[in-house]
Amino acid sequence: AGLLTAEGRWYLIGWCRTRRAGRGFR
C-alpha cells in the first residue's frame, strides 16, 4: 500500500495475505 518512515527506519505497509491483515514490515 505504501511506505512509512519513522525514527530513521523505513517500513513497507501492505496487506499480508499470510496473516490476512494489514502489516508493517521493517
mmCIF file of all heavy atoms, coordinates in Angstrom:
data_MODEL
# 
_entry.id   MODEL 
# 
loop_
_atom_site.group_PDB 
_atom_site.id 
_atom_site.type_symbol 
_atom_site.label_atom_id 
_atom_site.label_alt_id 
_atom_site.label_comp_id 
_atom_site.label_asym_id 
_atom_site.label_entity_id 
_atom_site.label_seq_id 
_atom_site.pdbx_PDB_ins_code 
_atom_site.Cartn_x 
_atom_site.Cartn_y 
_atom_site.Cartn_z 
_atom_site.occupancy 
_atom_site.B_iso_or_equiv 
_atom_site.pdbx_formal_charge 
_atom_site.auth_seq_id 
_atom_site.auth_comp_id 
_atom_site.auth_asym_id 
_atom_site.auth_atom_id 
_atom_site.pdbx_PDB_model_num 
ATOM 1   N N   . ALA A 1 1  ? 0.825  -1.208  0.000  1.00 0.00 ? 1  ALA A N   1 
ATOM 2   C CA  . ALA A 1 1  ? 0.000  0.000   0.000  1.00 0.00 ? 1  ALA A CA  1 
ATOM 3   C C   . ALA A 1 1  ? 0.856  1.254   0.000  1.00 0.00 ? 1  ALA A C   1 
ATOM 4   O O   . ALA A 1 1  ? 0.434  2.295   -0.495 1.00 0.00 ? 1  ALA A O   1 
ATOM 5   C CB  . ALA A 1 1  ? -0.934 0.012   1.207  1.00 0.00 ? 1  ALA A CB  1 
ATOM 6   N N   . GLY A 1 2  ? 2.054  1.184   0.587  1.00 0.00 ? 2  GLY A N   1 
ATOM 7   C CA  . GLY A 1 2  ? 2.912  2.362   0.629  1.00 0.00 ? 2  GLY A CA  1 
ATOM 8   C C   . GLY A 1 2  ? 4.065  2.175   1.589  1.00 0.00 ? 2  GLY A C   1 
ATOM 9   O O   . GLY A 1 2  ? 4.318  1.075   2.093  1.00 0.00 ? 2  GLY A O   1 
ATOM 10  N N   . LEU A 1 3  ? 4.775  3.263   1.832  1.00 0.00 ? 3  LEU A N   1 
ATOM 11  C CA  . LEU A 1 3  ? 5.946  3.253   2.704  1.00 0.00 ? 3  LEU A CA  1 
ATOM 12  C C   . LEU A 1 3  ? 5.723  4.201   3.877  1.00 0.00 ? 3  LEU A C   1 
ATOM 13  O O   . LEU A 1 3  ? 5.104  5.251   3.740  1.00 0.00 ? 3  LEU A O   1 
ATOM 14  C CB  . LEU A 1 3  ? 7.196  3.680   1.934  1.00 0.00 ? 3  LEU A CB  1 
ATOM 15  C CG  . LEU A 1 3  ? 7.687  2.722   0.855  1.00 0.00 ? 3  LEU A CG  1 
ATOM 16  C CD1 . LEU A 1 3  ? 8.708  3.419   -0.029 1.00 0.00 ? 3  LEU A CD1 1 
ATOM 17  C CD2 . LEU A 1 3  ? 8.297  1.479   1.475  1.00 0.00 ? 3  LEU A CD2 1 
ATOM 18  N N   . LEU A 1 4  ? 6.264  3.818   5.025  1.00 0.00 ? 4  LEU A N   1 
ATOM 19  C CA  . LEU A 1 4  ? 6.214  4.629   6.235  1.00 0.00 ? 4  LEU A CA  1 
ATOM 20  C C   . LEU A 1 4  ? 7.637  4.828   6.717  1.00 0.00 ? 4  LEU A C   1 
ATOM 21  O O   . LEU A 1 4  ? 8.430  3.872   6.744  1.00 0.00 ? 4  LEU A O   1 
ATOM 22  C CB  . LEU A 1 4  ? 5.390  3.917   7.320  1.00 0.00 ? 4  LEU A CB  1 
ATOM 23  C CG  . LEU A 1 4  ? 5.497  4.473   8.746  1.00 0.00 ? 4  LEU A CG  1 
ATOM 24  C CD1 . LEU A 1 4  ? 4.779  5.809   8.856  1.00 0.00 ? 4  LEU A CD1 1 
ATOM 25  C CD2 . LEU A 1 4  ? 4.918  3.478   9.753  1.00 0.00 ? 4  LEU A CD2 1 
ATOM 26  N N   . THR A 1 5  ? 7.987  6.047   7.062  1.00 0.00 ? 5  THR A N   1 
ATOM 27  C CA  . THR A 1 5  ? 9.294  6.295   7.663  1.00 0.00 ? 5  THR A CA  1 
ATOM 28  C C   . THR A 1 5  ? 9.083  6.808   9.080  1.00 0.00 ? 5  THR A C   1 
ATOM 29  O O   . THR A 1 5  ? 8.235  7.676   9.321  1.00 0.00 ? 5  THR A O   1 
ATOM 30  C CB  . THR A 1 5  ? 10.126 7.300   6.837  1.00 0.00 ? 5  THR A CB  1 
ATOM 31  O OG1 . THR A 1 5  ? 11.382 7.526   7.485  1.00 0.00 ? 5  THR A OG1 1 
ATOM 32  C CG2 . THR A 1 5  ? 9.406  8.615   6.638  1.00 0.00 ? 5  THR A CG2 1 
ATOM 33  N N   . ALA A 1 6  ? 9.821  6.235   10.032 1.00 0.00 ? 6  ALA A N   1 
ATOM 34  C CA  . ALA A 1 6  ? 9.680  6.613   11.437 1.00 0.00 ? 6  ALA A CA  1 
ATOM 35  C C   . ALA A 1 6  ? 10.990 6.359   12.160 1.00 0.00 ? 6  ALA A C   1 
ATOM 36  O O   . ALA A 1 6  ? 11.555 5.268   12.068 1.00 0.00 ? 6  ALA A O   1 
ATOM 37  C CB  . ALA A 1 6  ? 8.558  5.812   12.100 1.00 0.00 ? 6  ALA A CB  1 
ATOM 38  N N   . GLU A 1 7  ? 11.479 7.390   12.852 1.00 0.00 ? 7  GLU A N   1 
ATOM 39  C CA  . GLU A 1 7  ? 12.678 7.287   13.686 1.00 0.00 ? 7  GLU A CA  1 
ATOM 40  C C   . GLU A 1 7  ? 13.852 6.656   12.928 1.00 0.00 ? 7  GLU A C   1 
ATOM 41  O O   . GLU A 1 7  ? 14.576 5.813   13.448 1.00 0.00 ? 7  GLU A O   1 
ATOM 42  C CB  . GLU A 1 7  ? 12.363 6.481   14.950 1.00 0.00 ? 7  GLU A CB  1 
ATOM 43  C CG  . GLU A 1 7  ? 11.284 7.132   15.817 1.00 0.00 ? 7  GLU A CG  1 
ATOM 44  C CD  . GLU A 1 7  ? 10.962 6.311   17.048 1.00 0.00 ? 7  GLU A CD  1 
ATOM 45  O OE1 . GLU A 1 7  ? 11.368 5.130   17.103 1.00 0.00 ? 7  GLU A OE1 1 
ATOM 46  O OE2 . GLU A 1 7  ? 10.317 6.849   17.953 1.00 0.00 ? 7  GLU A OE2 1 
ATOM 47  N N   . GLY A 1 8  ? 14.035 7.100   11.700 1.00 0.00 ? 8  GLY A N   1 
ATOM 48  C CA  . GLY A 1 8  ? 15.181 6.652   10.925 1.00 0.00 ? 8  GLY A CA  1 
ATOM 49  C C   . GLY A 1 8  ? 15.019 5.299   10.251 1.00 0.00 ? 8  GLY A C   1 
ATOM 50  O O   . GLY A 1 8  ? 15.938 4.823   9.598  1.00 0.00 ? 8  GLY A O   1 
ATOM 51  N N   . ARG A 1 9  ? 13.864 4.665   10.414 1.00 0.00 ? 9  ARG A N   1 
ATOM 52  C CA  . ARG A 1 9  ? 13.631 3.365   9.774  1.00 0.00 ? 9  ARG A CA  1 
ATOM 53  C C   . ARG A 1 9  ? 12.530 3.484   8.726  1.00 0.00 ? 9  ARG A C   1 
ATOM 54  O O   . ARG A 1 9  ? 11.667 4.346   8.808  1.00 0.00 ? 9  ARG A O   1 
ATOM 55  C CB  . ARG A 1 9  ? 13.235 2.308   10.815 1.00 0.00 ? 9  ARG A CB  1 
ATOM 56  C CG  . ARG A 1 9  ? 14.328 1.983   11.827 1.00 0.00 ? 9  ARG A CG  1 
ATOM 57  C CD  . ARG A 1 9  ? 13.938 0.751   12.633 1.00 0.00 ? 9  ARG A CD  1 
ATOM 58  N NE  . ARG A 1 9  ? 14.973 0.359   13.558 1.00 0.00 ? 9  ARG A NE  1 
ATOM 59  C CZ  . ARG A 1 9  ? 14.987 0.674   14.855 1.00 0.00 ? 9  ARG A CZ  1 
ATOM 60  N NH1 . ARG A 1 9  ? 13.992 1.388   15.362 1.00 0.00 ? 9  ARG A NH1 1 
ATOM 61  N NH2 . ARG A 1 9  ? 15.964 0.272   15.637 1.00 0.00 ? 9  ARG A NH2 1 
ATOM 62  N N   . TRP A 1 10 ? 12.585 2.551   7.757  1.00 0.00 ? 10 TRP A N   1 
ATOM 63  C CA  . TRP A 1 10 ? 11.565 2.511   6.714  1.00 0.00 ? 10 TRP A CA  1 
ATOM 64  C C   . TRP A 1 10 ? 10.768 1.212   6.827  1.00 0.00 ? 10 TRP A C   1 
ATOM 65  O O   . TRP A 1 10 ? 11.328 0.154   7.129  1.00 0.00 ? 10 TRP A O   1 
ATOM 66  C CB  . TRP A 1 10 ? 12.210 2.589   5.328  1.00 0.00 ? 10 TRP A CB  1 
ATOM 67  C CG  . TRP A 1 10 ? 12.645 3.974   4.961  1.00 0.00 ? 10 TRP A CG  1 
ATOM 68  C CD1 . TRP A 1 10 ? 13.817 4.590   5.319  1.00 0.00 ? 10 TRP A CD1 1 
ATOM 69  C CD2 . TRP A 1 10 ? 11.938 4.922   4.165  1.00 0.00 ? 10 TRP A CD2 1 
ATOM 70  N NE1 . TRP A 1 10 ? 13.870 5.857   4.810  1.00 0.00 ? 10 TRP A NE1 1 
ATOM 71  C CE2 . TRP A 1 10 ? 12.734 6.088   4.088  1.00 0.00 ? 10 TRP A CE2 1 
ATOM 72  C CE3 . TRP A 1 10 ? 10.701 4.898   3.517  1.00 0.00 ? 10 TRP A CE3 1 
ATOM 73  C CZ2 . TRP A 1 10 ? 12.339 7.213   3.376  1.00 0.00 ? 10 TRP A CZ2 1 
ATOM 74  C CZ3 . TRP A 1 10 ? 10.305 6.030   2.796  1.00 0.00 ? 10 TRP A CZ3 1 
ATOM 75  C CH2 . TRP A 1 10 ? 11.112 7.167   2.737  1.00 0.00 ? 10 TRP A CH2 1 
ATOM 76  N N   . TYR A 1 11 ? 9.465  1.335   6.594  1.00 0.00 ? 11 TYR A N   1 
ATOM 77  C CA  . TYR A 1 11 ? 8.566  0.188   6.682  1.00 0.00 ? 11 TYR A CA  1 
ATOM 78  C C   . TYR A 1 11 ? 7.745  0.086   5.398  1.00 0.00 ? 11 TYR A C   1 
ATOM 79  O O   . TYR A 1 11 ? 7.259  1.096   4.877  1.00 0.00 ? 11 TYR A O   1 
ATOM 80  C CB  . TYR A 1 11 ? 7.593  0.343   7.855  1.00 0.00 ? 11 TYR A CB  1 
ATOM 81  C CG  . TYR A 1 11 ? 8.243  0.438   9.212  1.00 0.00 ? 11 TYR A CG  1 
ATOM 82  C CD1 . TYR A 1 11 ? 8.796  1.652   9.648  1.00 0.00 ? 11 TYR A CD1 1 
ATOM 83  C CD2 . TYR A 1 11 ? 8.302  -0.648  10.076 1.00 0.00 ? 11 TYR A CD2 1 
ATOM 84  C CE1 . TYR A 1 11 ? 9.396  1.766   10.892 1.00 0.00 ? 11 TYR A CE1 1 
ATOM 85  C CE2 . TYR A 1 11 ? 8.887  -0.545  11.336 1.00 0.00 ? 11 TYR A CE2 1 
ATOM 86  C CZ  . TYR A 1 11 ? 9.438  0.664   11.732 1.00 0.00 ? 11 TYR A CZ  1 
ATOM 87  O OH  . TYR A 1 11 ? 10.022 0.776   12.980 1.00 0.00 ? 11 TYR A OH  1 
ATOM 88  N N   . LEU A 1 12 ? 7.569  -1.139  4.938  1.00 0.00 ? 12 LEU A N   1 
ATOM 89  C CA  . LEU A 1 12 ? 6.613  -1.406  3.871  1.00 0.00 ? 12 LEU A CA  1 
ATOM 90  C C   . LEU A 1 12 ? 5.271  -1.708  4.533  1.00 0.00 ? 12 LEU A C   1 
ATOM 91  O O   . LEU A 1 12 ? 5.176  -2.617  5.358  1.00 0.00 ? 12 LEU A O   1 
ATOM 92  C CB  . LEU A 1 12 ? 7.070  -2.604  3.036  1.00 0.00 ? 12 LEU A CB  1 
ATOM 93  C CG  . LEU A 1 12 ? 6.032  -3.177  2.063  1.00 0.00 ? 12 LEU A CG  1 
ATOM 94  C CD1 . LEU A 1 12 ? 5.693  -2.170  0.973  1.00 0.00 ? 12 LEU A CD1 1 
ATOM 95  C CD2 . LEU A 1 12 ? 6.542  -4.492  1.455  1.00 0.00 ? 12 LEU A CD2 1 
ATOM 96  N N   . ILE A 1 13 ? 4.253  -0.938  4.186  1.00 0.00 ? 13 ILE A N   1 
ATOM 97  C CA  . ILE A 1 13 ? 2.912  -1.153  4.724  1.00 0.00 ? 13 ILE A CA  1 
ATOM 98  C C   . ILE A 1 13 ? 2.078  -1.837  3.644  1.00 0.00 ? 13 ILE A C   1 
ATOM 99  O O   . ILE A 1 13 ? 2.053  -1.385  2.489  1.00 0.00 ? 13 ILE A O   1 
ATOM 100 C CB  . ILE A 1 13 ? 2.235  0.166   5.128  1.00 0.00 ? 13 ILE A CB  1 
ATOM 101 C CG1 . ILE A 1 13 ? 3.144  0.968   6.066  1.00 0.00 ? 13 ILE A CG1 1 
ATOM 102 C CG2 . ILE A 1 13 ? 0.884  -0.105  5.792  1.00 0.00 ? 13 ILE A CG2 1 
ATOM 103 C CD1 . ILE A 1 13 ? 3.487  0.269   7.355  1.00 0.00 ? 13 ILE A CD1 1 
ATOM 104 N N   . GLY A 1 14 ? 1.424  -2.928  3.993  1.00 0.00 ? 14 GLY A N   1 
ATOM 105 C CA  . GLY A 1 14 ? 0.623  -3.624  2.996  1.00 0.00 ? 14 GLY A CA  1 
ATOM 106 C C   . GLY A 1 14 ? -0.300 -4.649  3.628  1.00 0.00 ? 14 GLY A C   1 
ATOM 107 O O   . GLY A 1 14 ? -0.317 -4.839  4.844  1.00 0.00 ? 14 GLY A O   1 
ATOM 108 N N   . TRP A 1 15 ? -1.071 -5.298  2.773  1.00 0.00 ? 15 TRP A N   1 
ATOM 109 C CA  . TRP A 1 15 ? -1.973 -6.356  3.215  1.00 0.00 ? 15 TRP A CA  1 
ATOM 110 C C   . TRP A 1 15 ? -1.236 -7.680  3.116  1.00 0.00 ? 15 TRP A C   1 
ATOM 111 O O   . TRP A 1 15 ? -0.811 -8.087  2.047  1.00 0.00 ? 15 TRP A O   1 
ATOM 112 C CB  . TRP A 1 15 ? -3.225 -6.397  2.357  1.00 0.00 ? 15 TRP A CB  1 
ATOM 113 C CG  . TRP A 1 15 ? -4.183 -7.470  2.750  1.00 0.00 ? 15 TRP A CG  1 
ATOM 114 C CD1 . TRP A 1 15 ? -4.275 -8.722  2.218  1.00 0.00 ? 15 TRP A CD1 1 
ATOM 115 C CD2 . TRP A 1 15 ? -5.165 -7.405  3.796  1.00 0.00 ? 15 TRP A CD2 1 
ATOM 116 N NE1 . TRP A 1 15 ? -5.263 -9.448  2.853  1.00 0.00 ? 15 TRP A NE1 1 
ATOM 117 C CE2 . TRP A 1 15 ? -5.837 -8.652  3.825  1.00 0.00 ? 15 TRP A CE2 1 
ATOM 118 C CE3 . TRP A 1 15 ? -5.552 -6.416  4.696  1.00 0.00 ? 15 TRP A CE3 1 
ATOM 119 C CZ2 . TRP A 1 15 ? -6.857 -8.922  4.723  1.00 0.00 ? 15 TRP A CZ2 1 
ATOM 120 C CZ3 . TRP A 1 15 ? -6.577 -6.685  5.583  1.00 0.00 ? 15 TRP A CZ3 1 
ATOM 121 C CH2 . TRP A 1 15 ? -7.212 -7.924  5.597  1.00 0.00 ? 15 TRP A CH2 1 
ATOM 122 N N   . CYS A 1 16 ? -1.039 -8.317  4.279  1.00 0.00 ? 16 CYS A N   1 
ATOM 123 C CA  . CYS A 1 16 ? -0.331 -9.595  4.317  1.00 0.00 ? 16 CYS A CA  1 
ATOM 124 C C   . CYS A 1 16 ? -1.335 -10.715 4.062  1.00 0.00 ? 16 CYS A C   1 
ATOM 125 O O   . CYS A 1 16 ? -2.246 -10.939 4.860  1.00 0.00 ? 16 CYS A O   1 
ATOM 126 C CB  . CYS A 1 16 ? 0.345  -9.780  5.671  1.00 0.00 ? 16 CYS A CB  1 
ATOM 127 S SG  . CYS A 1 16 ? 1.211  -11.362 5.833  1.00 0.00 ? 16 CYS A SG  1 
ATOM 128 N N   . ARG A 1 17 ? -1.165 -11.400 2.948  1.00 0.00 ? 17 ARG A N   1 
ATOM 129 C CA  . ARG A 1 17 ? -2.079 -12.491 2.627  1.00 0.00 ? 17 ARG A CA  1 
ATOM 130 C C   . ARG A 1 17 ? -1.913 -13.654 3.599  1.00 0.00 ? 17 ARG A C   1 
ATOM 131 O O   . ARG A 1 17 ? -2.871 -14.377 3.889  1.00 0.00 ? 17 ARG A O   1 
ATOM 132 C CB  . ARG A 1 17 ? -1.817 -12.976 1.194  1.00 0.00 ? 17 ARG A CB  1 
ATOM 133 C CG  . ARG A 1 17 ? -2.252 -11.992 0.128  1.00 0.00 ? 17 ARG A CG  1 
ATOM 134 C CD  . ARG A 1 17 ? -2.045 -12.573 -1.256 1.00 0.00 ? 17 ARG A CD  1 
ATOM 135 N NE  . ARG A 1 17 ? -2.662 -11.753 -2.285 1.00 0.00 ? 17 ARG A NE  1 
ATOM 136 C CZ  . ARG A 1 17 ? -2.619 -12.056 -3.574 1.00 0.00 ? 17 ARG A CZ  1 
ATOM 137 N NH1 . ARG A 1 17 ? -1.972 -13.148 -3.980 1.00 0.00 ? 17 ARG A NH1 1 
ATOM 138 N NH2 . ARG A 1 17 ? -3.212 -11.275 -4.458 1.00 0.00 ? 17 ARG A NH2 1 
ATOM 139 N N   . THR A 1 18 ? -0.708 -13.832 4.112  1.00 0.00 ? 18 THR A N   1 
ATOM 140 C CA  . THR A 1 18 ? -0.464 -14.927 5.054  1.00 0.00 ? 18 THR A CA  1 
ATOM 141 C C   . THR A 1 18 ? -1.225 -14.709 6.349  1.00 0.00 ? 18 THR A C   1 
ATOM 142 O O   . THR A 1 18 ? -1.843 -15.629 6.894  1.00 0.00 ? 18 THR A O   1 
ATOM 143 C CB  . THR A 1 18 ? 1.042  -15.051 5.352  1.00 0.00 ? 18 THR A CB  1 
ATOM 144 O OG1 . THR A 1 18 ? 1.754  -15.159 4.116  1.00 0.00 ? 18 THR A OG1 1 
ATOM 145 C CG2 . THR A 1 18 ? 1.335  -16.273 6.216  1.00 0.00 ? 18 THR A CG2 1 
ATOM 146 N N   . ARG A 1 19 ? -1.191 -13.490 6.881  1.00 0.00 ? 19 ARG A N   1 
ATOM 147 C CA  . ARG A 1 19 ? -1.865 -13.163 8.142  1.00 0.00 ? 19 ARG A CA  1 
ATOM 148 C C   . ARG A 1 19 ? -3.290 -12.642 7.928  1.00 0.00 ? 19 ARG A C   1 
ATOM 149 O O   . ARG A 1 19 ? -4.014 -12.426 8.890  1.00 0.00 ? 19 ARG A O   1 
ATOM 150 C CB  . ARG A 1 19 ? -1.055 -12.112 8.903  1.00 0.00 ? 19 ARG A CB  1 
ATOM 151 C CG  . ARG A 1 19 ? 0.350  -12.567 9.282  1.00 0.00 ? 19 ARG A CG  1 
ATOM 152 C CD  . ARG A 1 19 ? 0.318  -13.652 10.325 1.00 0.00 ? 19 ARG A CD  1 
ATOM 153 N NE  . ARG A 1 19 ? 1.648  -13.978 10.793 1.00 0.00 ? 19 ARG A NE  1 
ATOM 154 C CZ  . ARG A 1 19 ? 2.376  -14.997 10.356 1.00 0.00 ? 19 ARG A CZ  1 
ATOM 155 N NH1 . ARG A 1 19 ? 1.882  -15.807 9.419  1.00 0.00 ? 19 ARG A NH1 1 
ATOM 156 N NH2 . ARG A 1 19 ? 3.586  -15.220 10.829 1.00 0.00 ? 19 ARG A NH2 1 
ATOM 157 N N   . ARG A 1 20 ? -3.656 -12.389 6.680  1.00 0.00 ? 20 ARG A N   1 
ATOM 158 C CA  . ARG A 1 20 ? -4.968 -11.852 6.337  1.00 0.00 ? 20 ARG A CA  1 
ATOM 159 C C   . ARG A 1 20 ? -5.272 -10.560 7.109  1.00 0.00 ? 20 ARG A C   1 
ATOM 160 O O   . ARG A 1 20 ? -6.346 -10.382 7.692  1.00 0.00 ? 20 ARG A O   1 
ATOM 161 C CB  . ARG A 1 20 ? -6.073 -12.889 6.601  1.00 0.00 ? 20 ARG A CB  1 
ATOM 162 C CG  . ARG A 1 20 ? -5.943 -14.149 5.759  1.00 0.00 ? 20 ARG A CG  1 
ATOM 163 C CD  . ARG A 1 20 ? -7.042 -15.131 6.085  1.00 0.00 ? 20 ARG A CD  1 
ATOM 164 N NE  . ARG A 1 20 ? -6.916 -16.342 5.276  1.00 0.00 ? 20 ARG A NE  1 
ATOM 165 C CZ  . ARG A 1 20 ? -7.435 -16.503 4.063  1.00 0.00 ? 20 ARG A CZ  1 
ATOM 166 N NH1 . ARG A 1 20 ? -8.105 -15.513 3.508  1.00 0.00 ? 20 ARG A NH1 1 
ATOM 167 N NH2 . ARG A 1 20 ? -7.272 -17.639 3.406  1.00 0.00 ? 20 ARG A NH2 1 
ATOM 168 N N   . ALA A 1 21 ? -4.287 -9.690  7.121  1.00 0.00 ? 21 ALA A N   1 
ATOM 169 C CA  . ALA A 1 21 ? -4.428 -8.428  7.846  1.00 0.00 ? 21 ALA A CA  1 
ATOM 170 C C   . ALA A 1 21 ? -3.381 -7.445  7.346  1.00 0.00 ? 21 ALA A C   1 
ATOM 171 O O   . ALA A 1 21 ? -2.403 -7.826  6.695  1.00 0.00 ? 21 ALA A O   1 
ATOM 172 C CB  . ALA A 1 21 ? -4.272 -8.651  9.351  1.00 0.00 ? 21 ALA A CB  1 
ATOM 173 N N   . GLY A 1 22 ? -3.598 -6.161  7.686  1.00 0.00 ? 22 GLY A N   1 
ATOM 174 C CA  . GLY A 1 22 ? -2.604 -5.157  7.362  1.00 0.00 ? 22 GLY A CA  1 
ATOM 175 C C   . GLY A 1 22 ? -1.376 -5.326  8.249  1.00 0.00 ? 22 GLY A C   1 
ATOM 176 O O   . GLY A 1 22 ? -1.500 -5.608  9.441  1.00 0.00 ? 22 GLY A O   1 
ATOM 177 N N   . ARG A 1 23 ? -0.212 -5.172  7.682  1.00 0.00 ? 23 ARG A N   1 
ATOM 178 C CA  . ARG A 1 23 ? 1.033  -5.336  8.431  1.00 0.00 ? 23 ARG A CA  1 
ATOM 179 C C   . ARG A 1 23 ? 2.068  -4.320  7.967  1.00 0.00 ? 23 ARG A C   1 
ATOM 180 O O   . ARG A 1 23 ? 2.025  -3.817  6.850  1.00 0.00 ? 23 ARG A O   1 
ATOM 181 C CB  . ARG A 1 23 ? 1.613  -6.742  8.237  1.00 0.00 ? 23 ARG A CB  1 
ATOM 182 C CG  . ARG A 1 23 ? 0.855  -7.852  8.950  1.00 0.00 ? 23 ARG A CG  1 
ATOM 183 C CD  . ARG A 1 23 ? 1.048  -7.770  10.458 1.00 0.00 ? 23 ARG A CD  1 
ATOM 184 N NE  . ARG A 1 23 ? 0.489  -8.913  11.154 1.00 0.00 ? 23 ARG A NE  1 
ATOM 185 C CZ  . ARG A 1 23 ? -0.763 -8.981  11.600 1.00 0.00 ? 23 ARG A CZ  1 
ATOM 186 N NH1 . ARG A 1 23 ? -1.591 -7.964  11.384 1.00 0.00 ? 23 ARG A NH1 1 
ATOM 187 N NH2 . ARG A 1 23 ? -1.184 -10.054 12.251 1.00 0.00 ? 23 ARG A NH2 1 
ATOM 188 N N   . GLY A 1 24 ? 3.017  -4.023  8.876  1.00 0.00 ? 24 GLY A N   1 
ATOM 189 C CA  . GLY A 1 24 ? 4.173  -3.201  8.542  1.00 0.00 ? 24 GLY A CA  1 
ATOM 190 C C   . GLY A 1 24 ? 5.425  -4.054  8.603  1.00 0.00 ? 24 GLY A C   1 
ATOM 191 O O   . GLY A 1 24 ? 5.628  -4.809  9.565  1.00 0.00 ? 24 GLY A O   1 
ATOM 192 N N   . PHE A 1 25 ? 6.264  -3.974  7.578  1.00 0.00 ? 25 PHE A N   1 
ATOM 193 C CA  . PHE A 1 25 ? 7.485  -4.785  7.508  1.00 0.00 ? 25 PHE A CA  1 
ATOM 194 C C   . PHE A 1 25 ? 8.697  -3.861  7.476  1.00 0.00 ? 25 PHE A C   1 
ATOM 195 O O   . PHE A 1 25 ? 8.856  -3.070  6.540  1.00 0.00 ? 25 PHE A O   1 
ATOM 196 C CB  . PHE A 1 25 ? 7.470  -5.664  6.257  1.00 0.00 ? 25 PHE A CB  1 
ATOM 197 C CG  . PHE A 1 25 ? 6.298  -6.602  6.179  1.00 0.00 ? 25 PHE A CG  1 
ATOM 198 C CD1 . PHE A 1 25 ? 5.135  -6.218  5.522  1.00 0.00 ? 25 PHE A CD1 1 
ATOM 199 C CD2 . PHE A 1 25 ? 6.354  -7.860  6.762  1.00 0.00 ? 25 PHE A CD2 1 
ATOM 200 C CE1 . PHE A 1 25 ? 4.049  -7.067  5.447  1.00 0.00 ? 25 PHE A CE1 1 
ATOM 201 C CE2 . PHE A 1 25 ? 5.272  -8.715  6.699  1.00 0.00 ? 25 PHE A CE2 1 
ATOM 202 C CZ  . PHE A 1 25 ? 4.109  -8.323  6.041  1.00 0.00 ? 25 PHE A CZ  1 
ATOM 203 N N   . ARG A 1 26 ? 9.536  -3.946  8.510  1.00 0.00 ? 26 ARG A N   1 
ATOM 204 C CA  . ARG A 1 26 ? 10.766 -3.150  8.515  1.00 0.00 ? 26 ARG A CA  1 
ATOM 205 C C   . ARG A 1 26 ? 11.665 -3.600  7.377  1.00 0.00 ? 26 ARG A C   1 
ATOM 206 O O   . ARG A 1 26 ? 11.980 -4.787  7.255  1.00 0.00 ? 26 ARG A O   1 
ATOM 207 C CB  . ARG A 1 26 ? 11.496 -3.307  9.848  1.00 0.00 ? 26 ARG A CB  1 
ATOM 208 C CG  . ARG A 1 26 ? 11.140 -2.249  10.857 1.00 0.00 ? 26 ARG A CG  1 
ATOM 209 C CD  . ARG A 1 26 ? 11.825 -2.431  12.174 1.00 0.00 ? 26 ARG A CD  1 
ATOM 210 N NE  . ARG A 1 26 ? 13.273 -2.576  12.082 1.00 0.00 ? 26 ARG A NE  1 
ATOM 211 C CZ  . ARG A 1 26 ? 14.071 -2.658  13.142 1.00 0.00 ? 26 ARG A CZ  1 
ATOM 212 N NH1 . ARG A 1 26 ? 13.532 -2.627  14.362 1.00 0.00 ? 26 ARG A NH1 1 
ATOM 213 N NH2 . ARG A 1 26 ? 15.368 -2.782  13.002 1.00 0.00 ? 26 ARG A NH2 1 
# 
